[in-house]
């Protein structure tokens, strides 16, 4: 007779926390409340959860409503942090993810100098935030010259794959791709839809993010994209109903044994 579960030294199958599962999927949950209104206020930076503006004329009112930056993580407002802390944990859900990064950033930094390069990246961060928020995405993080965004059912609905693709296209247009003059900053991007663990991580400094193989796949897609390309996994392309006649490729991504079918988008 073979031992089972903990008796065999194997962790039991992961079970999603029902409270977190609702928070991440239900549009009536607290994370989504007010976001539709807040994102119409033209200001940045914002809370990565509810999009409450941390700057501009509305910032003092937001602080009165406990929507100012939380001291331990200025990317999240105080009210959203209280929800995260109360429901500490996460759940495994299906979502769409977008990674977009600057191509040739090392050469750009060398040719421009640190001050000018910082201004270029700041402009990229602003354009990325605007494009992602407009498509109901959540700016997970900026890592150097890369933006990482999550498209959760609670914010983007069940057509989150289409929202992620729209955001990628909008970001490329905002950075000059597809114009005669060419981009003022060259980008490559990846979009993927799959399962990931989404929730809070950390202890002293708490953050909200996504973890798992699907996140790694999206990052690899962005790395494989040439300047001006948006590589969309077959899972995202199918979910978003992309035109099947679009250019198709089969990629072998670094660190993965199974090839991945993608569609190639340009703007």
Protein backbone atom coordinates (compact mmCIF):
# COMPACT_ATOMS: atom_id res chain seq x y z
CA UNK A 1 0.00 0.00 0.00
CA UNK A 2 1.47 3.36 -1.05
CA UNK A 3 1.48 6.27 1.42
CA UNK A 4 -0.53 9.33 0.44
CA UNK A 5 -0.29 13.08 1.02
CA UNK A 6 1.82 14.13 3.97
CA UNK A 7 2.58 10.49 4.84
CA UNK A 8 4.65 10.27 1.65
CA UNK A 9 6.39 13.58 2.34
CA UNK A 10 4.48 15.22 -0.52
CA UNK A 11 2.48 18.40 -0.08
CA UNK A 12 -1.24 18.00 -0.75
CA UNK A 13 -2.65 19.71 -3.85
CA UNK A 14 -2.80 23.49 -3.56
CA UNK A 15 -6.21 24.86 -2.62
CA UNK A 16 -7.02 28.48 -3.39
CA UNK A 17 -8.22 30.63 -0.51
CA UNK A 18 -11.92 31.25 -1.25
CA UNK A 19 -11.77 34.83 0.07
CA UNK A 20 -8.86 35.70 -2.19
CA UNK A 21 -10.40 33.85 -5.10
CA UNK A 22 -13.44 36.12 -4.83
CA UNK A 23 -11.31 39.25 -4.37
CA UNK A 24 -9.46 38.50 -7.60
CA UNK A 25 -12.44 37.45 -9.71
CA UNK A 26 -15.49 39.35 -8.44
CA UNK A 27 -15.99 42.90 -9.84
CA UNK A 28 -17.90 43.78 -6.67
CA UNK A 29 -14.89 43.08 -4.46
CA UNK A 30 -13.14 45.91 -2.65
CA UNK A 31 -10.12 46.03 -4.97
CA UNK A 32 -12.28 47.12 -7.89
CA UNK A 33 -14.32 49.69 -5.98
CA UNK A 34 -13.67 53.22 -7.22
CA UNK A 35 -11.08 52.19 -9.82
CA UNK A 36 -13.29 53.18 -12.74
CA UNK A 37 -13.56 56.69 -11.33
CA UNK A 38 -9.96 57.06 -10.13
CA UNK A 39 -8.41 56.07 -13.45
CA UNK A 40 -10.18 58.96 -15.19
CA UNK A 41 -8.25 61.45 -13.05
CA UNK A 42 -5.19 62.41 -15.16
CA UNK A 43 -2.39 62.01 -12.65
CA UNK A 44 0.53 59.74 -11.90
CA UNK A 45 1.88 57.90 -9.93
CA UNK A 46 -1.07 55.85 -8.75
CA UNK A 47 -1.99 53.06 -6.38
CA UNK A 48 -1.29 49.84 -8.24
CA UNK A 49 -4.51 48.34 -6.87
CA UNK A 50 -7.26 50.96 -7.11
CA UNK A 51 -5.54 53.58 -9.35
CA UNK A 52 -6.08 56.37 -6.79
CA UNK A 53 -3.80 59.28 -7.81
CA UNK A 54 -0.93 60.08 -5.47
CA UNK A 55 -0.14 63.42 -7.15
CA UNK A 56 -2.01 66.30 -8.76
CA UNK A 57 -4.96 68.32 -7.45
CA UNK A 58 -6.85 65.26 -6.20
CA UNK A 59 -3.99 63.94 -4.06
CA UNK A 60 -4.92 65.83 -0.83
CA UNK A 61 -8.47 64.46 -1.01
CA UNK A 62 -7.14 60.96 -1.63
CA UNK A 63 -4.96 61.23 1.47
CA UNK A 64 -7.98 62.31 3.53
CA UNK A 65 -9.73 59.14 2.32
CA UNK A 66 -6.71 57.01 3.33
CA UNK A 67 -5.85 56.65 -0.36
CA UNK A 68 -2.37 58.14 0.03
CA UNK A 69 0.79 56.03 -0.44
CA UNK A 70 1.31 53.37 2.20
CA UNK A 71 4.56 54.03 4.05
CA UNK A 72 5.92 50.49 3.61
CA UNK A 73 5.16 50.31 -0.10
CA UNK A 74 4.44 53.64 -1.84
CA UNK A 75 2.94 51.79 -4.81
CA UNK A 76 -0.13 50.83 -2.77
CA UNK A 77 -2.55 53.19 -1.02
CA UNK A 78 -3.33 52.82 2.67
CA UNK A 79 -6.89 51.60 2.13
CA UNK A 80 -5.89 48.89 -0.34
CA UNK A 81 -3.09 47.79 1.99
CA UNK A 82 -5.60 47.30 4.80
CA UNK A 83 -7.56 44.97 2.52
CA UNK A 84 -4.40 43.10 1.57
CA UNK A 85 -3.36 42.77 5.20
CA UNK A 86 -6.80 41.62 6.31
CA UNK A 87 -6.99 38.97 3.59
CA UNK A 88 -3.24 38.15 3.62
CA UNK A 89 -2.57 35.29 1.22
CA UNK A 90 -3.60 34.67 -2.36
CA UNK A 91 -5.23 32.33 -4.83
CA UNK A 92 -4.44 30.49 -8.03
CA UNK A 93 -6.39 32.10 -10.86
CA UNK A 94 -6.30 32.48 -14.61
CA UNK A 95 -5.16 35.91 -15.74
CA UNK A 96 -3.31 37.61 -18.58
CA UNK A 97 0.09 39.23 -18.24
CA UNK A 98 2.06 41.76 -20.25
CA UNK A 99 5.81 42.32 -20.12
CA UNK A 100 7.30 45.12 -22.23
CA UNK A 101 10.91 46.23 -22.16
CA UNK A 102 13.24 48.64 -23.89
CA UNK A 103 15.46 47.23 -26.60
CA UNK A 104 19.08 48.32 -26.70
CA UNK A 105 18.82 50.11 -23.35
CA UNK A 106 22.51 49.59 -22.58
CA UNK A 107 23.52 51.40 -25.76
CA UNK A 108 20.95 54.13 -25.14
CA UNK A 109 22.23 54.74 -21.62
CA UNK A 110 25.81 54.89 -22.88
CA UNK A 111 25.04 57.34 -25.68
CA UNK A 112 22.68 59.61 -23.72
CA UNK A 113 24.27 59.86 -20.31
CA UNK A 114 22.54 58.99 -17.02
CA UNK A 115 20.46 62.16 -16.63
CA UNK A 116 18.95 62.06 -20.12
CA UNK A 117 18.39 58.31 -19.88
CA UNK A 118 16.53 58.74 -16.60
CA UNK A 119 14.21 61.28 -18.23
CA UNK A 120 13.60 58.90 -21.14
CA UNK A 121 12.67 56.06 -18.79
CA UNK A 122 10.46 58.37 -16.72
CA UNK A 123 8.55 59.27 -19.89
CA UNK A 124 8.26 55.55 -20.74
CA UNK A 125 6.91 54.81 -17.24
CA UNK A 126 4.25 57.53 -17.62
CA UNK A 127 3.12 56.32 -21.04
CA UNK A 128 3.07 52.71 -19.85
CA UNK A 129 1.01 53.55 -16.78
CA UNK A 130 -1.53 55.50 -18.84
CA UNK A 131 -1.88 52.72 -21.45
CA UNK A 132 -2.20 49.96 -18.88
CA UNK A 133 -4.66 51.75 -16.61
CA UNK A 134 -6.83 52.70 -19.60
CA UNK A 135 -7.15 48.99 -20.47
CA UNK A 136 -7.92 47.96 -16.87
CA UNK A 137 -4.47 46.56 -16.25
CA UNK A 138 -2.62 46.61 -12.97
CA UNK A 139 0.96 47.89 -13.08
CA UNK A 140 2.75 45.19 -11.12
CA UNK A 141 6.20 46.76 -11.24
CA UNK A 142 8.80 48.67 -13.20
CA UNK A 143 12.11 46.82 -13.22
CA UNK A 144 14.79 48.99 -14.77
CA UNK A 145 13.74 49.30 -18.41
CA UNK A 146 10.81 46.85 -18.18
CA UNK A 147 7.16 47.15 -17.19
CA UNK A 148 5.20 44.17 -15.83
CA UNK A 149 1.39 44.31 -15.86
CA UNK A 150 -1.37 42.00 -14.66
CA UNK A 151 -4.84 41.79 -16.14
CA UNK A 152 -7.06 40.30 -13.47
CA UNK A 153 -10.67 39.15 -13.96
CA UNK A 154 -11.74 41.44 -11.10
CA UNK A 155 -10.52 44.49 -13.05
CA UNK A 156 -10.45 43.51 -16.73
CA UNK A 157 -13.32 41.01 -16.78
CA UNK A 158 -13.26 37.62 -18.42
CA UNK A 159 -11.88 39.11 -21.65
CA UNK A 160 -8.64 40.02 -19.86
CA UNK A 161 -6.55 38.60 -22.72
CA UNK A 162 -8.04 41.12 -25.15
CA UNK A 163 -7.40 43.92 -22.65
CA UNK A 164 -3.74 42.91 -22.33
CA UNK A 165 -3.28 42.87 -26.11
CA UNK A 166 -5.03 46.24 -26.48
CA UNK A 167 -2.77 47.70 -23.79
CA UNK A 168 0.33 46.44 -25.58
CA UNK A 169 -0.81 47.98 -28.84
CA UNK A 170 -1.66 51.28 -27.15
CA UNK A 171 1.74 51.38 -25.45
CA UNK A 172 3.52 50.78 -28.75
CA UNK A 173 1.52 53.54 -30.43
CA UNK A 174 2.24 55.92 -27.54
CA UNK A 175 5.97 55.29 -27.93
CA UNK A 176 5.93 56.02 -31.66
CA UNK A 177 5.91 52.51 -33.10
CA UNK A 178 4.21 52.34 -36.47
CA UNK A 179 4.94 55.98 -37.29
CA UNK A 180 7.10 57.31 -40.09
CA UNK A 181 9.51 58.87 -37.61
CA UNK A 182 9.82 55.59 -35.70
CA UNK A 183 9.70 54.99 -31.94
CA UNK A 184 11.26 57.45 -29.52
CA UNK A 185 12.03 54.39 -27.40
CA UNK A 186 12.17 50.90 -28.99
CA UNK A 187 10.14 48.18 -27.26
CA UNK A 188 9.52 44.45 -27.44
CA UNK A 189 6.64 42.80 -25.58
CA UNK A 190 5.06 39.49 -24.63
CA UNK A 191 1.46 38.67 -23.69
CA UNK A 192 0.40 35.37 -22.14
CA UNK A 193 -2.69 33.95 -20.45
CA UNK A 194 -2.48 31.18 -17.87
CA UNK A 195 -2.67 30.14 -14.25
CA UNK A 196 -0.63 31.94 -11.59
CA UNK A 197 -0.62 32.45 -7.86
CA UNK A 198 -1.76 36.02 -7.24
CA UNK A 199 -1.66 37.67 -3.85
CA UNK A 200 0.52 39.24 -1.20
CA UNK A 201 4.15 38.31 -0.70
CA UNK A 202 6.62 39.44 1.92
CA UNK A 203 6.33 40.21 5.60
CA UNK A 204 7.90 43.47 6.74
CA UNK A 205 7.38 44.96 3.27
CA UNK A 206 4.25 43.54 1.67
CA UNK A 207 3.66 43.58 -2.07
CA UNK A 208 0.96 42.30 -4.39
CA UNK A 209 2.18 40.31 -7.36
CA UNK A 210 1.85 37.11 -9.42
CA UNK A 211 4.07 34.05 -9.20
CA UNK A 212 4.41 30.88 -11.23
CA UNK A 213 5.35 29.37 -14.55
CA UNK A 214 2.94 31.57 -16.54
CA UNK A 215 4.77 34.66 -15.29
CA UNK A 216 8.08 33.18 -16.45
CA UNK A 217 6.59 32.35 -19.86
CA UNK A 218 5.47 35.96 -20.33
CA UNK A 219 8.92 37.24 -19.39
CA UNK A 220 10.57 34.86 -21.88
CA UNK A 221 8.18 35.98 -24.64
CA UNK A 222 9.10 39.61 -24.06
CA UNK A 223 12.81 38.71 -24.19
CA UNK A 224 12.29 36.86 -27.48
CA UNK A 225 10.43 39.72 -29.18
CA UNK A 226 12.36 41.82 -31.67
CA UNK A 227 12.08 45.62 -31.51
CA UNK A 228 8.54 46.57 -32.54
CA UNK A 229 7.11 43.08 -31.97
CA UNK A 230 4.38 41.94 -29.59
CA UNK A 231 4.54 38.15 -29.16
CA UNK A 232 1.16 36.77 -28.08
CA UNK A 233 0.95 33.19 -26.84
CA UNK A 234 -1.57 30.84 -28.43
CA UNK A 235 -3.53 30.82 -25.17
CA UNK A 236 -3.94 34.61 -25.24
CA UNK A 237 -4.57 34.72 -28.99
CA UNK A 238 -7.36 32.15 -28.70
CA UNK A 239 -8.93 33.81 -25.66
CA UNK A 240 -8.88 37.22 -27.38
CA UNK A 241 -10.15 35.88 -30.72
CA UNK A 242 -7.17 37.15 -32.72
CA UNK A 243 -7.22 36.76 -36.48
CA UNK A 244 -5.82 33.25 -37.15
CA UNK A 245 -4.14 34.52 -40.33
CA UNK A 246 -1.68 36.62 -38.32
CA UNK A 247 1.97 35.64 -38.53
CA UNK A 248 2.64 32.53 -36.45
CA UNK A 249 5.86 31.23 -34.93
CA UNK A 250 6.87 28.30 -32.79
CA UNK A 251 9.45 29.27 -30.18
CA UNK A 252 11.70 27.30 -27.89
CA UNK A 253 11.99 29.54 -24.85
CA UNK A 254 15.03 29.54 -22.61
CA UNK A 255 14.62 27.18 -19.69
CA UNK A 256 11.60 25.37 -21.16
CA UNK A 257 11.49 22.00 -22.92
CA UNK A 258 8.13 22.36 -24.70
CA UNK A 259 7.89 24.72 -27.70
CA UNK A 260 5.34 27.52 -27.59
CA UNK A 261 3.15 28.73 -30.45
CA UNK A 262 2.76 32.51 -30.72
CA UNK A 263 1.19 35.14 -32.93
CA UNK A 264 3.23 38.18 -33.94
CA UNK A 265 1.67 41.64 -33.77
CA UNK A 266 2.94 45.00 -35.00
CA UNK A 267 1.30 48.41 -34.86
